Amino acid sequence: MLAQSTDEALKKISRQRFDTIIFDMGRPPDSRAGYTLLDKLRSSRDQTPFIIYAGSRDPEHVAESRRHGAIGCINNANELFEMVLSALGHDALKRQCTPTGERLSARHSRRSAAGDWER
């Protein structure tokens, strides 16, 4: 499900349960929108695993995201995929399947810059 703003995300989260939330760090006009949403969720005792997708993965950003209650701060699609699977407790699935459900083999082990699984 897609939300275009922090307020829209809060409304959707109040109506439906999610297994994991992935949210951009910055959305105009709030450059720290990821933390804004996460802080509101945690203050309401919502403990849904939360991943911040940001342009930077500097150690201080990762540490700050964890202080706010996120399980991570990622800027790489492959790492995001692995973090989501880990949050869902599907480590075994991660070793067996690609994002499309296709069996993972040595030929399918890297993602290209275009986002397609290399064959």
Protein backbone atom coordinates (compact mmCIF):
# COMPACT_ATOMS: atom_id res chain seq x y z
CA MET A 1 0.00 0.00 0.00
CA LEU A 2 1.33 3.45 -0.87
CA ALA A 3 0.98 6.63 1.16
CA GLN A 4 1.94 10.04 -0.22
CA SER A 5 2.31 11.74 3.17
CA THR A 6 2.83 11.03 6.85
CA ASP A 7 -0.83 11.87 7.58
CA GLU A 8 -2.04 9.52 4.84
CA ALA A 9 0.23 6.77 6.19
CA LEU A 10 -1.14 7.24 9.71
CA LYS A 11 -4.71 6.97 8.44
CA LYS A 12 -3.97 3.78 6.52
CA ILE A 13 -2.09 2.25 9.44
CA SER A 14 -5.02 3.03 11.75
CA ARG A 15 -7.37 1.08 9.42
CA GLN A 16 -5.18 -1.89 8.54
CA ARG A 17 -2.44 -3.95 10.14
CA PHE A 18 0.87 -4.22 8.28
CA ASP A 19 3.64 -6.77 8.78
CA THR A 20 6.37 -4.25 7.95
CA ILE A 21 6.43 -0.55 7.10
CA ILE A 22 8.96 0.93 4.66
CA PHE A 23 8.97 4.71 4.60
CA ASP A 24 11.05 7.40 2.90
CA MET A 25 13.19 9.48 5.21
CA GLY A 26 12.18 12.81 3.71
CA ARG A 27 8.94 13.96 2.15
CA PRO A 28 8.25 17.63 1.52
CA PRO A 29 7.85 19.65 3.63
CA ASP A 30 9.34 17.35 6.32
CA SER A 31 12.94 16.30 5.65
CA ARG A 32 12.68 13.93 8.64
CA ALA A 33 9.28 12.43 7.77
CA GLY A 34 10.50 8.90 8.45
CA TYR A 35 11.28 9.80 12.05
CA THR A 36 8.05 11.80 12.36
CA LEU A 37 5.93 8.80 11.38
CA LEU A 38 8.00 6.35 13.40
CA ASP A 39 7.84 8.50 16.55
CA LYS A 40 4.06 8.80 16.23
CA LEU A 41 3.69 5.04 15.79
CA ARG A 42 5.94 4.19 18.72
CA SER A 43 4.19 6.74 20.98
CA SER A 44 0.91 4.94 20.21
CA ARG A 45 2.59 1.62 21.13
CA ASP A 46 2.59 0.37 17.52
CA GLN A 47 5.60 -1.94 17.26
CA THR A 48 5.30 -2.84 13.57
CA PRO A 49 8.80 -3.41 12.14
CA PHE A 50 9.78 -0.12 10.49
CA ILE A 51 12.48 0.38 7.85
CA ILE A 52 13.60 3.80 6.66
CA TYR A 53 14.55 3.99 2.99
CA ALA A 54 16.93 6.92 2.68
CA GLY A 55 19.53 8.41 0.39
CA SER A 56 22.24 7.88 2.99
CA ARG A 57 23.34 4.95 5.04
CA ASP A 58 25.96 6.81 7.07
CA PRO A 59 26.58 5.15 10.45
CA GLU A 60 25.11 8.13 12.31
CA HIS A 61 21.88 7.88 10.27
CA VAL A 62 21.62 4.14 10.93
CA ALA A 63 22.23 4.71 14.66
CA GLU A 64 19.64 7.50 14.81
CA SER A 65 17.05 5.40 13.02
CA ARG A 66 17.54 2.64 15.59
CA ARG A 67 17.26 5.15 18.47
CA HIS A 68 13.87 6.14 17.05
CA GLY A 69 12.81 2.48 16.93
CA ALA A 70 13.44 1.47 13.31
CA ILE A 71 15.01 -1.89 12.55
CA GLY A 72 17.22 -0.22 9.99
CA CYS A 73 18.01 2.57 7.57
CA ILE A 74 18.67 1.31 4.03
CA ASN A 75 19.48 2.82 0.64
CA ASN A 76 19.99 -0.39 -1.33
CA ALA A 77 17.14 -2.44 -2.82
CA ASN A 78 18.84 -5.81 -2.23
CA GLU A 79 19.53 -4.99 1.41
CA LEU A 80 15.97 -3.71 1.78
CA PHE A 81 14.63 -7.02 0.47
CA GLU A 82 16.81 -8.96 2.93
CA MET A 83 15.84 -6.70 5.84
CA VAL A 84 12.12 -7.12 5.11
CA LEU A 85 12.45 -10.89 4.96
CA SER A 86 14.43 -10.88 8.19
CA ALA A 87 11.80 -8.70 9.88
CA LEU A 88 9.15 -11.15 8.79
CA GLY A 89 11.19 -14.09 10.05
CA HIS A 90 11.63 -15.66 6.64
CA ASP A 91 15.40 -16.16 6.50
CA ALA A 92 14.95 -19.59 4.93
CA LEU A 93 12.69 -18.12 2.24
CA LYS A 94 15.31 -15.48 1.49
CA ARG A 95 17.81 -18.19 0.60
CA GLN A 96 15.33 -19.94 -1.71
CA CYS A 97 13.43 -17.24 -3.60
CA THR A 98 13.82 -13.96 -5.43
CA PRO A 99 11.35 -11.07 -4.94
CA THR A 100 9.17 -12.56 -7.69
CA GLY A 101 9.02 -15.98 -6.01
CA GLU A 102 11.37 -17.50 -8.57
CA ARG A 103 13.90 -20.02 -7.26
CA LEU A 104 17.22 -18.38 -6.49
CA SER A 105 20.25 -19.95 -8.09
CA ALA A 106 23.84 -18.86 -8.67
CA ARG A 107 22.67 -17.27 -11.93
CA HIS A 108 20.11 -15.14 -10.05
CA SER A 109 22.32 -13.95 -7.23
CA ARG A 110 22.84 -10.30 -8.20
CA ARG A 111 20.53 -7.46 -9.09
CA SER A 112 21.48 -5.19 -11.97
CA ALA A 113 21.40 -1.41 -11.80
CA ALA A 114 18.18 -1.51 -13.81
CA GLY A 115 16.55 -3.59 -11.08
CA ASP A 116 16.17 -6.83 -13.05
CA TRP A 117 17.59 -10.04 -11.72
CA GLU A 118 20.69 -10.87 -13.73
CA ARG A 119 20.51 -14.18 -15.49
